[in-house]
Amino acid sequence: MTSGKTKNGDWGGHSMTAPLRRVLVSRPVPPNGHVSWEAFGYHRPIHHEQALAEHDALCHALTEQGCEVVSISLPDAALQDGIFPFDPVITTDAGVILCRMGKALRSGEPAALEAALDELGIPVVGRIEAPGTVEGGDCLWLDERTLVVGQGYRTNAEGIRQLSALLGPQGVTVVPVDLPYWHGPGECLHLLSLISLVDSDLAAVYLPLLPVALVQMLEERGVSLVEVPDEEFPTQGPNVLATGPRRCIILRENTVTAERLRAAGCDVTALTGDEISHNRGGGPTCLTRPLWREMQRCPGQPTGPSRPSSS
């Protein structure tokens, strides 16, 4: 694991599946007596040593797959959900967009990430302002110029409007889709709780809850669907981190989904996440913030309407 300023341009990549070259992770924050695991919606008290061991294993797997891992530590015991750095920021080719969290207990995370990204030399190109909310877990790159965003309890219409305005100069179209009620505002249901692209033409999905409009978009694009069975939805089966086309990381309980991915030609790594994932409600994608995915162009190069698409 490394830290320090980025080399010039080592950020960007409007993709969920291009080779992951640089990734940020956030170490589990030690709890204290003022932190209520119940308030965070966790299933049981925090087991910090177990969380550290599982997180180390994730970082090792990422390194083994050719990723430079940038590890940070957040300064506040109240930022327990900071272990999920995918949500507070969105990486773009021009820099990062700072989100405004829909979960009140996570409101301090974007500022904490901003400080870390500034040290890495990655610029901020915009931020979501009140009353808008956007969380990264609701954002899915379908291709370099298309970002699908789930509208629900964590990401609202005003946040999507602001995000669209911020991404427009880069030639990106934001496509909103409605998320289902499921169990209501007390239980997080991000768009990426339902779908993960593992290649440009392959996705792991929990089809019963997927927005119809998104299913139709996938069909129109010829994207094949690997269906996650009902029994593996609660264990984050649809939350799969692609470290490259058809190369991915999944939680070990999701054996049926893993076998279906392998049958579709994927190289699958299974990891333990009893504490960092299942107790806290976030999968391998949530535990990372891709900083640089290697596209066909140079990383960090701004995009715009006049620039030809590589897709």
C-alpha atoms as a PDB file:
ATOM      1  CA  MET A   1       0.000   0.000   0.000  1.00  0.00           C
ATOM      2  CA  THR A   2       1.221   3.456  -0.809  1.00  0.00           C
ATOM      3  CA  SER A   3       0.306   7.055  -0.255  1.00  0.00           C
ATOM      4  CA  GLY A   4       1.520  10.365  -1.604  1.00  0.00           C
ATOM      5  CA  LYS A   5       0.845  12.741  -4.466  1.00  0.00           C
ATOM      6  CA  THR A   6      -0.310  11.286  -7.754  1.00  0.00           C
ATOM      7  CA  LYS A   7       1.903  11.353 -10.781  1.00  0.00           C
ATOM      8  CA  ASN A   8       0.636  13.852 -13.331  1.00  0.00           C
ATOM      9  CA  GLY A   9      -2.738  12.744 -14.619  1.00  0.00           C
ATOM     10  CA  ASP A  10      -3.084   9.545 -12.591  1.00  0.00           C
ATOM     11  CA  TRP A  11      -6.801   9.854 -12.113  1.00  0.00           C
ATOM     12  CA  GLY A  12      -9.949   9.422 -14.181  1.00  0.00           C
ATOM     13  CA  GLY A  13     -11.636   6.754 -16.231  1.00  0.00           C
ATOM     14  CA  HIS A  14     -15.389   6.955 -16.837  1.00  0.00           C
ATOM     15  CA  SER A  15     -15.854   3.216 -16.504  1.00  0.00           C
ATOM     16  CA  MET A  16     -16.809   0.510 -14.020  1.00  0.00           C
ATOM     17  CA  THR A  17     -14.731  -2.168 -15.764  1.00  0.00           C
ATOM     18  CA  ALA A  18     -11.599  -0.718 -17.413  1.00  0.00           C
ATOM     19  CA  PRO A  19      -8.346  -1.944 -15.796  1.00  0.00           C
ATOM     20  CA  LEU A  20      -8.159  -0.539 -12.269  1.00  0.00           C
ATOM     21  CA  ARG A  21      -4.701   0.979 -11.826  1.00  0.00           C
ATOM     22  CA  ARG A  22      -5.065   3.189  -8.748  1.00  0.00           C
ATOM     23  CA  VAL A  23      -7.604   2.823  -5.969  1.00  0.00           C
ATOM     24  CA  LEU A  24      -8.240   4.566  -2.672  1.00  0.00           C
ATOM     25  CA  VAL A  25      -9.276   2.644   0.422  1.00  0.00           C
ATOM     26  CA  SER A  26     -10.138   3.930   3.885  1.00  0.00           C
ATOM     27  CA  ARG A  27      -8.950   1.971   6.905  1.00  0.00           C
ATOM     28  CA  PRO A  28     -11.559   0.926   9.493  1.00  0.00           C
ATOM     29  CA  VAL A  29     -11.887   3.664  12.099  1.00  0.00           C
ATOM     30  CA  PRO A  30     -11.464   2.495  15.720  1.00  0.00           C
ATOM     31  CA  PRO A  31     -14.769   2.976  17.555  1.00  0.00           C
ATOM     32  CA  ASN A  32     -15.095   4.643  20.928  1.00  0.00           C
ATOM     33  CA  GLY A  33     -17.768   4.786  23.615  1.00  0.00           C
ATOM     34  CA  HIS A  34     -19.555   7.640  21.868  1.00  0.00           C
ATOM     35  CA  VAL A  35     -20.136   5.639  18.672  1.00  0.00           C
ATOM     36  CA  SER A  36     -23.422   3.762  18.502  1.00  0.00           C
ATOM     37  CA  TRP A  37     -23.349   0.817  16.118  1.00  0.00           C
ATOM     38  CA  GLU A  38     -27.159   0.752  16.358  1.00  0.00           C
ATOM     39  CA  ALA A  39     -27.390   4.333  15.109  1.00  0.00           C
ATOM     40  CA  PHE A  40     -25.335   3.383  12.059  1.00  0.00           C
ATOM     41  CA  GLY A  41     -27.705   0.529  11.329  1.00  0.00           C
ATOM     42  CA  TYR A  42     -25.060  -2.156  11.837  1.00  0.00           C
ATOM     43  CA  HIS A  43     -26.172  -5.658  12.739  1.00  0.00           C
ATOM     44  CA  ARG A  44     -23.912  -6.104  15.781  1.00  0.00           C
ATOM     45  CA  PRO A  45     -21.195  -4.296  17.747  1.00  0.00           C
ATOM     46  CA  ILE A  46     -18.057  -3.387  15.814  1.00  0.00           C
ATOM     47  CA  HIS A  47     -15.206  -5.910  15.972  1.00  0.00           C
ATOM     48  CA  HIS A  48     -12.293  -3.672  15.051  1.00  0.00           C
ATOM     49  CA  GLU A  49      -9.476  -6.226  14.886  1.00  0.00           C
ATOM     50  CA  GLN A  50     -11.517  -8.460  12.601  1.00  0.00           C
ATOM     51  CA  ALA A  51     -12.306  -5.459  10.415  1.00  0.00           C
ATOM     52  CA  LEU A  52      -8.603  -4.649  10.088  1.00  0.00           C
ATOM     53  CA  ALA A  53      -7.745  -8.227   9.086  1.00  0.00           C
ATOM     54  CA  GLU A  54     -10.481  -8.367   6.463  1.00  0.00           C
ATOM     55  CA  HIS A  55      -9.512  -4.959   5.111  1.00  0.00           C
ATOM     56  CA  ASP A  56      -5.865  -6.013   4.835  1.00  0.00           C
ATOM     57  CA  ALA A  57      -6.965  -9.042   2.812  1.00  0.00           C
ATOM     58  CA  LEU A  58      -8.922  -6.796   0.445  1.00  0.00           C
ATOM     59  CA  CYS A  59      -5.898  -4.540  -0.044  1.00  0.00           C
ATOM     60  CA  HIS A  60      -3.695  -7.570  -0.703  1.00  0.00           C
ATOM     61  CA  ALA A  61      -6.130  -8.868  -3.334  1.00  0.00           C
ATOM     62  CA  LEU A  62      -6.201  -5.477  -5.050  1.00  0.00           C
ATOM     63  CA  THR A  63      -2.405  -5.306  -5.102  1.00  0.00           C
ATOM     64  CA  GLU A  64      -2.207  -8.847  -6.472  1.00  0.00           C
ATOM     65  CA  GLN A  65      -4.459  -7.753  -9.342  1.00  0.00           C
ATOM     66  CA  GLY A  66      -2.153  -4.922 -10.326  1.00  0.00           C
ATOM     67  CA  CYS A  67      -3.762  -2.010  -8.463  1.00  0.00           C
ATOM     68  CA  GLU A  68      -1.774   0.645  -6.672  1.00  0.00           C
ATOM     69  CA  VAL A  69      -3.570   0.904  -3.329  1.00  0.00           C
ATOM     70  CA  VAL A  70      -3.684   4.309  -1.648  1.00  0.00           C
ATOM     71  CA  SER A  71      -4.693   3.787   1.973  1.00  0.00           C
ATOM     72  CA  ILE A  72      -5.976   6.629   4.136  1.00  0.00           C
ATOM     73  CA  SER A  73      -7.191   6.840   7.725  1.00  0.00           C
ATOM     74  CA  LEU A  74     -10.023   9.169   8.661  1.00  0.00           C
ATOM     75  CA  PRO A  75      -9.527  11.163  11.858  1.00  0.00           C
ATOM     76  CA  ASP A  76     -12.925  10.804  13.547  1.00  0.00           C
ATOM     77  CA  ALA A  77     -14.385   7.758  15.330  1.00  0.00           C
ATOM     78  CA  ALA A  78     -17.833   9.027  14.321  1.00  0.00           C
ATOM     79  CA  LEU A  79     -16.978   8.370  10.650  1.00  0.00           C
ATOM     80  CA  GLN A  80     -17.469   4.591  10.833  1.00  0.00           C
ATOM     81  CA  ASP A  81     -19.085   4.490   7.386  1.00  0.00           C
ATOM     82  CA  GLY A  82     -15.958   6.172   6.043  1.00  0.00           C
ATOM     83  CA  ILE A  83     -14.746   2.637   5.359  1.00  0.00           C
ATOM     84  CA  PHE A  84     -16.901   2.981   2.208  1.00  0.00           C
ATOM     85  CA  PRO A  85     -15.045   5.690   0.213  1.00  0.00           C
ATOM     86  CA  PHE A  86     -16.978   4.996  -2.996  1.00  0.00           C
ATOM     87  CA  ASP A  87     -19.888   7.122  -1.764  1.00  0.00           C
ATOM     88  CA  PRO A  88     -18.536  10.572  -0.774  1.00  0.00           C
ATOM     89  CA  VAL A  89     -16.836  11.394  -4.101  1.00  0.00           C
ATOM     90  CA  ILE A  90     -17.194  10.645  -7.805  1.00  0.00           C
ATOM     91  CA  THR A  91     -14.047  10.392  -9.917  1.00  0.00           C
ATOM     92  CA  THR A  92     -14.127  12.065 -13.324  1.00  0.00           C
ATOM     93  CA  ASP A  93     -11.497  12.715 -15.963  1.00  0.00           C
ATOM     94  CA  ALA A  94     -11.231  16.355 -14.860  1.00  0.00           C
ATOM     95  CA  GLY A  95     -11.015  15.620 -11.114  1.00  0.00           C
ATOM     96  CA  VAL A  96     -13.460  14.633  -8.397  1.00  0.00           C
ATOM     97  CA  ILE A  97     -16.977  15.756  -7.571  1.00  0.00           C
ATOM     98  CA  LEU A  98     -17.683  15.948  -3.859  1.00  0.00           C
ATOM     99  CA  CYS A  99     -21.030  14.463  -2.950  1.00  0.00           C
ATOM    100  CA  ARG A 100     -23.515  15.558  -0.293  1.00  0.00           C
ATOM    101  CA  MET A 101     -24.586  12.517   1.647  1.00  0.00           C
ATOM    102  CA  GLY A 102     -28.174  11.416   2.065  1.00  0.00           C
ATOM    103  CA  LYS A 103     -27.315   9.710   5.358  1.00  0.00           C
ATOM    104  CA  ALA A 104     -26.834  12.346   8.057  1.00  0.00           C
ATOM    105  CA  LEU A 105     -24.219  10.320   9.957  1.00  0.00           C
ATOM    106  CA  ARG A 106     -22.042  10.428   6.832  1.00  0.00           C
ATOM    107  CA  SER A 107     -22.179  14.195   6.341  1.00  0.00           C
ATOM    108  CA  GLY A 108     -18.559  14.712   7.405  1.00  0.00           C
ATOM    109  CA  GLU A 109     -17.084  12.241   4.924  1.00  0.00           C
ATOM    110  CA  PRO A 110     -16.825  14.416   1.783  1.00  0.00           C
ATOM    111  CA  ALA A 111     -14.704  17.024   3.620  1.00  0.00           C
ATOM    112  CA  ALA A 112     -12.462  14.290   5.046  1.00  0.00           C
ATOM    113  CA  LEU A 113     -12.001  12.810   1.568  1.00  0.00           C
ATOM    114  CA  GLU A 114     -11.408  16.262   0.087  1.00  0.00           C
ATOM    115  CA  ALA A 115      -8.417  16.753   2.366  1.00  0.00           C
ATOM    116  CA  ALA A 116      -6.988  13.357   1.433  1.00  0.00           C
ATOM    117  CA  LEU A 117      -7.498  13.906  -2.304  1.00  0.00           C
ATOM    118  CA  ASP A 118      -5.899  17.335  -2.098  1.00  0.00           C
ATOM    119  CA  GLU A 119      -2.786  15.714  -0.639  1.00  0.00           C
ATOM    120  CA  LEU A 120      -2.830  13.333  -3.593  1.00  0.00           C
ATOM    121  CA  GLY A 121      -2.947  16.249  -6.022  1.00  0.00           C
ATOM    122  CA  ILE A 122      -6.377  15.410  -7.447  1.00  0.00           C
ATOM    123  CA  PRO A 123      -8.481  18.538  -8.074  1.00  0.00           C
ATOM    124  CA  VAL A 124     -12.077  19.119  -7.065  1.00  0.00           C
ATOM    125  CA  VAL A 125     -14.160  20.127 -10.079  1.00  0.00           C
ATOM    126  CA  GLY A 126     -17.453  20.590  -8.264  1.00  0.00           C
ATOM    127  CA  ARG A 127     -19.585  19.708  -5.294  1.00  0.00           C
ATOM    128  CA  ILE A 128     -23.217  18.896  -4.620  1.00  0.00           C
ATOM    129  CA  GLU A 129     -24.859  21.629  -2.552  1.00  0.00           C
ATOM    130  CA  ALA A 130     -27.959  21.610  -0.310  1.00  0.00           C
ATOM    131  CA  PRO A 131     -30.725  20.699  -0.802  1.00  0.00           C
ATOM    132  CA  GLY A 132     -29.223  18.272  -3.307  1.00  0.00           C
ATOM    133  CA  THR A 133     -27.932  14.865  -2.229  1.00  0.00           C
ATOM    134  CA  VAL A 134     -25.892  12.373  -4.224  1.00  0.00           C
ATOM    135  CA  GLU A 135     -24.090   9.255  -3.027  1.00  0.00           C
ATOM    136  CA  GLY A 136     -21.575   7.479  -5.229  1.00  0.00           C
ATOM    137  CA  GLY A 137     -23.251   4.130  -4.638  1.00  0.00           C
ATOM    138  CA  ASP A 138     -26.136   5.331  -6.796  1.00  0.00           C
ATOM    139  CA  CYS A 139     -23.886   6.064  -9.795  1.00  0.00           C
ATOM    140  CA  LEU A 140     -23.150   3.576 -12.591  1.00  0.00           C
ATOM    141  CA  TRP A 141     -20.996   4.337 -15.629  1.00  0.00           C
ATOM    142  CA  LEU A 142     -22.623   2.568 -18.588  1.00  0.00           C
ATOM    143  CA  ASP A 143     -19.953   3.941 -20.877  1.00  0.00           C
ATOM    144  CA  GLU A 144     -17.535   6.856 -20.970  1.00  0.00           C
ATOM    145  CA  ARG A 145     -20.292   9.356 -21.703  1.00  0.00           C
ATOM    146  CA  THR A 146     -23.272   7.863 -19.866  1.00  0.00           C
ATOM    147  CA  LEU A 147     -23.744   7.889 -16.095  1.00  0.00           C
ATOM    148  CA  VAL A 148     -26.898   6.209 -14.784  1.00  0.00           C
ATOM    149  CA  VAL A 149     -27.953   7.568 -11.377  1.00  0.00           C
ATOM    150  CA  GLY A 150     -30.490   5.970  -9.051  1.00  0.00           C
ATOM    151  CA  GLN A 151     -32.951   8.359  -7.427  1.00  0.00           C
ATOM    152  CA  GLY A 152     -34.050   7.192  -3.997  1.00  0.00           C
ATOM    153  CA  TYR A 153     -33.561   8.004  -0.334  1.00  0.00           C
ATOM    154  CA  ARG A 154     -29.821   8.759  -0.657  1.00  0.00           C
ATOM    155  CA  THR A 155     -29.770  10.632  -3.984  1.00  0.00           C
ATOM    156  CA  ASN A 156     -32.499  13.139  -4.795  1.00  0.00           C
ATOM    157  CA  ALA A 157     -33.693  14.935  -7.926  1.00  0.00           C
ATOM    158  CA  GLU A 158     -31.903  18.190  -7.085  1.00  0.00           C
ATOM    159  CA  GLY A 159     -28.633  16.343  -6.541  1.00  0.00           C
ATOM    160  CA  ILE A 160     -29.017  14.636  -9.916  1.00  0.00           C
ATOM    161  CA  ARG A 161     -29.709  18.005 -11.562  1.00  0.00           C
ATOM    162  CA  GLN A 162     -26.516  19.446 -10.082  1.00  0.00           C
ATOM    163  CA  LEU A 163     -24.511  16.372 -11.036  1.00  0.00           C
ATOM    164  CA  SER A 164     -25.745  16.636 -14.610  1.00  0.00           C
ATOM    165  CA  ALA A 165     -24.684  20.285 -14.762  1.00  0.00           C
ATOM    166  CA  LEU A 166     -21.230  19.441 -13.422  1.00  0.00           C
ATOM    167  CA  LEU A 167     -20.673  16.575 -15.862  1.00  0.00           C
ATOM    168  CA  GLY A 168     -22.130  18.272 -18.929  1.00  0.00           C
ATOM    169  CA  PRO A 169     -18.895  20.135 -19.788  1.00  0.00           C
ATOM    170  CA  GLN A 170     -17.137  16.759 -19.951  1.00  0.00           C
ATOM    171  CA  GLY A 171     -19.649  15.506 -22.514  1.00  0.00           C
ATOM    172  CA  VAL A 172     -21.361  13.173 -20.043  1.00  0.00           C
ATOM    173  CA  THR A 173     -25.111  12.538 -20.046  1.00  0.00           C
ATOM    174  CA  VAL A 174     -26.674  11.722 -16.669  1.00  0.00           C
ATOM    175  CA  VAL A 175     -29.617   9.328 -16.909  1.00  0.00           C
ATOM    176  CA  PRO A 176     -31.809   9.116 -13.763  1.00  0.00           C
ATOM    177  CA  VAL A 177     -33.690   5.947 -12.860  1.00  0.00           C
ATOM    178  CA  ASP A 178     -36.080   5.471  -9.955  1.00  0.00           C
ATOM    179  CA  LEU A 179     -35.119   3.094  -7.156  1.00  0.00           C
ATOM    180  CA  PRO A 180     -37.735   0.924  -5.415  1.00  0.00           C
ATOM    181  CA  TYR A 181     -39.017   1.610  -1.903  1.00  0.00           C
ATOM    182  CA  TRP A 182     -37.803  -1.837  -0.702  1.00  0.00           C
ATOM    183  CA  HIS A 183     -37.623  -1.534   3.127  1.00  0.00           C
ATOM    184  CA  GLY A 184     -37.842   2.240   3.229  1.00  0.00           C
ATOM    185  CA  PRO A 185     -35.478   5.025   4.280  1.00  0.00           C
ATOM    186  CA  GLY A 186     -34.077   3.121   7.253  1.00  0.00           C
ATOM    187  CA  GLU A 187     -32.298   0.598   5.021  1.00  0.00           C
ATOM    188  CA  CYS A 188     -29.815   1.712   2.393  1.00  0.00           C
ATOM    189  CA  LEU A 189     -30.601   0.575  -1.139  1.00  0.00           C
ATOM    190  CA  HIS A 190     -28.089   2.077  -3.545  1.00  0.00           C
ATOM    191  CA  LEU A 191     -28.307   1.404  -7.260  1.00  0.00           C
ATOM    192  CA  LEU A 192     -25.061  -0.558  -6.932  1.00  0.00           C
ATOM    193  CA  SER A 193     -26.795  -2.803  -4.418  1.00  0.00           C
ATOM    194  CA  LEU A 194     -28.646  -4.139  -7.472  1.00  0.00           C
ATOM    195  CA  ILE A 195     -26.123  -4.170 -10.318  1.00  0.00           C
ATOM    196  CA  SER A 196     -22.411  -4.343 -11.059  1.00  0.00           C
ATOM    197  CA  LEU A 197     -20.898  -4.204 -14.520  1.00  0.00           C
ATOM    198  CA  VAL A 198     -18.056  -6.697 -14.872  1.00  0.00           C
ATOM    199  CA  ASP A 199     -17.421  -5.962 -18.550  1.00  0.00           C
ATOM    200  CA  SER A 200     -18.868  -3.570 -21.084  1.00  0.00           C
ATOM    201  CA  ASP A 201     -21.295  -6.316 -22.144  1.00  0.00           C
ATOM    202  CA  LEU A 202     -21.790  -8.238 -18.877  1.00  0.00           C
ATOM    203  CA  ALA A 203     -23.457  -7.335 -15.578  1.00  0.00           C
ATOM    204  CA  ALA A 204     -24.267  -9.091 -12.303  1.00  0.00           C
ATOM    205  CA  VAL A 205     -27.812  -8.080 -11.358  1.00  0.00           C
ATOM    206  CA  TYR A 206     -30.568  -8.693  -8.860  1.00  0.00           C
ATOM    207  CA  LEU A 207     -33.295  -8.529 -11.467  1.00  0.00           C
ATOM    208  CA  PRO A 208     -36.431  -8.367  -9.231  1.00  0.00           C
ATOM    209  CA  LEU A 209     -35.493  -4.879  -7.932  1.00  0.00           C
ATOM    210  CA  LEU A 210     -33.705  -3.463 -10.973  1.00  0.00           C
ATOM    211  CA  PRO A 211     -35.402  -0.385 -12.505  1.00  0.00           C
ATOM    212  CA  VAL A 212     -37.278  -1.308 -15.684  1.00  0.00           C
ATOM    213  CA  ALA A 213     -35.730   1.612 -17.562  1.00  0.00           C
ATOM    214  CA  LEU A 214     -32.247   0.333 -16.730  1.00  0.00           C
ATOM    215  CA  VAL A 215     -33.100  -3.234 -17.790  1.00  0.00           C
ATOM    216  CA  GLN A 216     -34.281  -1.853 -21.114  1.00  0.00           C
ATOM    217  CA  MET A 217     -31.068   0.177 -21.543  1.00  0.00           C
ATOM    218  CA  LEU A 218     -28.989  -2.927 -20.873  1.00  0.00           C
ATOM    219  CA  GLU A 219     -31.019  -4.933 -23.368  1.00  0.00           C
ATOM    220  CA  GLU A 220     -30.632  -2.238 -26.023  1.00  0.00           C
ATOM    221  CA  ARG A 221     -26.863  -2.308 -25.527  1.00  0.00           C
ATOM    222  CA  GLY A 222     -26.633  -6.077 -25.721  1.00  0.00           C
ATOM    223  CA  VAL A 223     -25.440  -6.462 -22.124  1.00  0.00           C
ATOM    224  CA  SER A 224     -25.787 -10.034 -20.870  1.00  0.00           C
ATOM    225  CA  LEU A 225     -27.115 -10.449 -17.331  1.00  0.00           C
ATOM    226  CA  VAL A 226     -25.738 -12.771 -14.666  1.00  0.00           C
ATOM    227  CA  GLU A 227     -28.671 -13.118 -12.288  1.00  0.00           C
ATOM    228  CA  VAL A 228     -28.021 -13.148  -8.547  1.00  0.00           C
ATOM    229  CA  PRO A 229     -30.309 -15.658  -6.769  1.00  0.00           C
ATOM    230  CA  ASP A 230     -32.677 -14.475  -4.030  1.00  0.00           C
ATOM    231  CA  GLU A 231     -30.641 -16.093  -1.265  1.00  0.00           C
ATOM    232  CA  GLU A 232     -27.484 -14.156  -2.259  1.00  0.00           C
ATOM    233  CA  PHE A 233     -29.040 -10.709  -2.430  1.00  0.00           C
ATOM    234  CA  PRO A 234     -28.734 -10.186   1.375  1.00  0.00           C
ATOM    235  CA  THR A 235     -25.036 -11.138   1.214  1.00  0.00           C
ATOM    236  CA  GLN A 236     -24.175  -8.424  -1.341  1.00  0.00           C
ATOM    237  CA  GLY A 237     -24.246 -10.786  -4.325  1.00  0.00           C
ATOM    238  CA  PRO A 238     -24.858  -7.986  -6.862  1.00  0.00           C
ATOM    239  CA  ASN A 239     -22.061  -5.825  -5.390  1.00  0.00           C
ATOM    240  CA  VAL A 240     -19.078  -7.028  -7.415  1.00  0.00           C
ATOM    241  CA  LEU A 241     -15.895  -5.002  -7.940  1.00  0.00           C
ATOM    242  CA  ALA A 242     -14.423  -5.278 -11.423  1.00  0.00           C
ATOM    243  CA  THR A 243     -10.648  -4.766 -11.419  1.00  0.00           C
ATOM    244  CA  GLY A 244     -10.627  -5.212 -15.186  1.00  0.00           C
ATOM    245  CA  PRO A 245     -12.851  -6.646 -17.913  1.00  0.00           C
ATOM    246  CA  ARG A 246     -14.225  -9.988 -16.625  1.00  0.00           C
ATOM    247  CA  ARG A 247     -11.919  -9.882 -13.595  1.00  0.00           C
ATOM    248  CA  CYS A 248     -13.666  -9.229 -10.317  1.00  0.00           C
ATOM    249  CA  ILE A 249     -13.849  -9.483  -6.525  1.00  0.00           C
ATOM    250  CA  ILE A 250     -16.923 -10.845  -4.745  1.00  0.00           C
ATOM    251  CA  LEU A 251     -17.828 -11.818  -1.178  1.00  0.00           C
ATOM    252  CA  ARG A 252     -17.279 -15.502  -0.451  1.00  0.00           C
ATOM    253  CA  GLU A 253     -20.873 -16.397   0.513  1.00  0.00           C
ATOM    254  CA  ASN A 254     -22.096 -15.702  -3.002  1.00  0.00           C
ATOM    255  CA  THR A 255     -21.055 -19.036  -4.462  1.00  0.00           C
ATOM    256  CA  VAL A 256     -23.845 -19.353  -7.036  1.00  0.00           C
ATOM    257  CA  THR A 257     -23.218 -15.855  -8.378  1.00  0.00           C
ATOM    258  CA  ALA A 258     -19.480 -16.543  -8.492  1.00  0.00           C
ATOM    259  CA  GLU A 259     -19.978 -19.736 -10.468  1.00  0.00           C
ATOM    260  CA  ARG A 260     -22.313 -17.997 -12.881  1.00  0.00           C
ATOM    261  CA  LEU A 261     -19.705 -15.281 -13.396  1.00  0.00           C
ATOM    262  CA  ARG A 262     -17.011 -17.887 -14.013  1.00  0.00           C
ATOM    263  CA  ALA A 263     -19.276 -19.614 -16.521  1.00  0.00           C
ATOM    264  CA  ALA A 264     -19.496 -16.257 -18.320  1.00  0.00           C
ATOM    265  CA  GLY A 265     -15.707 -16.148 -18.575  1.00  0.00           C
ATOM    266  CA  CYS A 266     -14.845 -14.142 -15.454  1.00  0.00           C
ATOM    267  CA  ASP A 267     -11.808 -14.563 -13.208  1.00  0.00           C
ATOM    268  CA  VAL A 268     -13.404 -14.319  -9.744  1.00  0.00           C
ATOM    269  CA  THR A 269     -11.677 -13.704  -6.407  1.00  0.00           C
ATOM    270  CA  ALA A 270     -13.779 -14.394  -3.297  1.00  0.00           C
ATOM    271  CA  LEU A 271     -13.038 -12.591  -0.019  1.00  0.00           C
ATOM    272  CA  THR A 272     -14.304 -12.685   3.559  1.00  0.00           C
ATOM    273  CA  GLY A 273     -16.267  -9.621   4.645  1.00  0.00           C
ATOM    274  CA  ASP A 274     -18.143 -10.622   7.787  1.00  0.00           C
ATOM    275  CA  GLU A 275     -17.224  -7.387   9.581  1.00  0.00           C
ATOM    276  CA  ILE A 276     -16.355  -4.835   6.904  1.00  0.00           C
ATOM    277  CA  SER A 277     -19.240  -5.786   4.610  1.00  0.00           C
ATOM    278  CA  HIS A 278     -22.026  -7.866   6.119  1.00  0.00           C
ATOM    279  CA  ASN A 279     -22.120  -6.113   9.480  1.00  0.00           C
ATOM    280  CA  ARG A 280     -22.091  -2.671   7.846  1.00  0.00           C
ATOM    281  CA  GLY A 281     -24.055  -3.273   4.652  1.00  0.00           C
ATOM    282  CA  GLY A 282     -21.535  -2.593   1.889  1.00  0.00           C
ATOM    283  CA  GLY A 283     -19.782  -4.819  -0.638  1.00  0.00           C
ATOM    284  CA  PRO A 284     -16.399  -4.777  -2.417  1.00  0.00           C
ATOM    285  CA  THR A 285     -17.308  -1.847  -4.669  1.00  0.00           C
ATOM    286  CA  CYS A 286     -18.340   0.274  -1.676  1.00  0.00           C
ATOM    287  CA  LEU A 287     -15.010  -0.429   0.049  1.00  0.00           C
ATOM    288  CA  THR A 288     -13.021   1.242  -2.739  1.00  0.00           C
ATOM    289  CA  ARG A 289     -12.881   4.527  -4.599  1.00  0.00           C
ATOM    290  CA  PRO A 290     -11.293   3.988  -8.019  1.00  0.00           C
ATOM    291  CA  LEU A 291      -8.930   6.883  -8.729  1.00  0.00           C
ATOM    292  CA  TRP A 292      -7.678   5.743 -12.122  1.00  0.00           C
ATOM    293  CA  ARG A 293      -9.110   3.225 -14.549  1.00  0.00           C
ATOM    294  CA  GLU A 294      -6.954   2.893 -17.628  1.00  0.00           C
ATOM    295  CA  MET A 295      -9.008   3.843 -20.647  1.00  0.00           C
ATOM    296  CA  GLN A 296      -7.824   4.029 -24.263  1.00  0.00           C
ATOM    297  CA  ARG A 297      -6.830   7.651 -23.802  1.00  0.00           C
ATOM    298  CA  CYS A 298      -4.441   9.218 -21.311  1.00  0.00           C
ATOM    299  CA  PRO A 299      -5.751   9.221 -17.724  1.00  0.00           C
ATOM    300  CA  GLY A 300      -6.625  12.612 -16.302  1.00  0.00           C
ATOM    301  CA  GLN A 301      -7.225  14.130 -19.739  1.00  0.00           C
ATOM    302  CA  PRO A 302     -10.435  16.181 -19.635  1.00  0.00           C
ATOM    303  CA  THR A 303     -13.213  15.175 -21.963  1.00  0.00           C
ATOM    304  CA  GLY A 304     -15.611  17.449 -23.788  1.00  0.00           C
ATOM    305  CA  PRO A 305     -18.252  17.469 -26.478  1.00  0.00           C
ATOM    306  CA  SER A 306     -15.673  18.039 -29.232  1.00  0.00           C
ATOM    307  CA  ARG A 307     -13.519  15.093 -28.181  1.00  0.00           C
ATOM    308  CA  PRO A 308     -14.307  11.828 -30.008  1.00  0.00           C
ATOM    309  CA  SER A 309     -15.570   8.955 -27.905  1.00  0.00           C
ATOM    310  CA  SER A 310     -13.358   5.905 -27.480  1.00  0.00           C
ATOM    311  CA  SER A 311     -16.412   3.652 -27.303  1.00  0.00           C
END
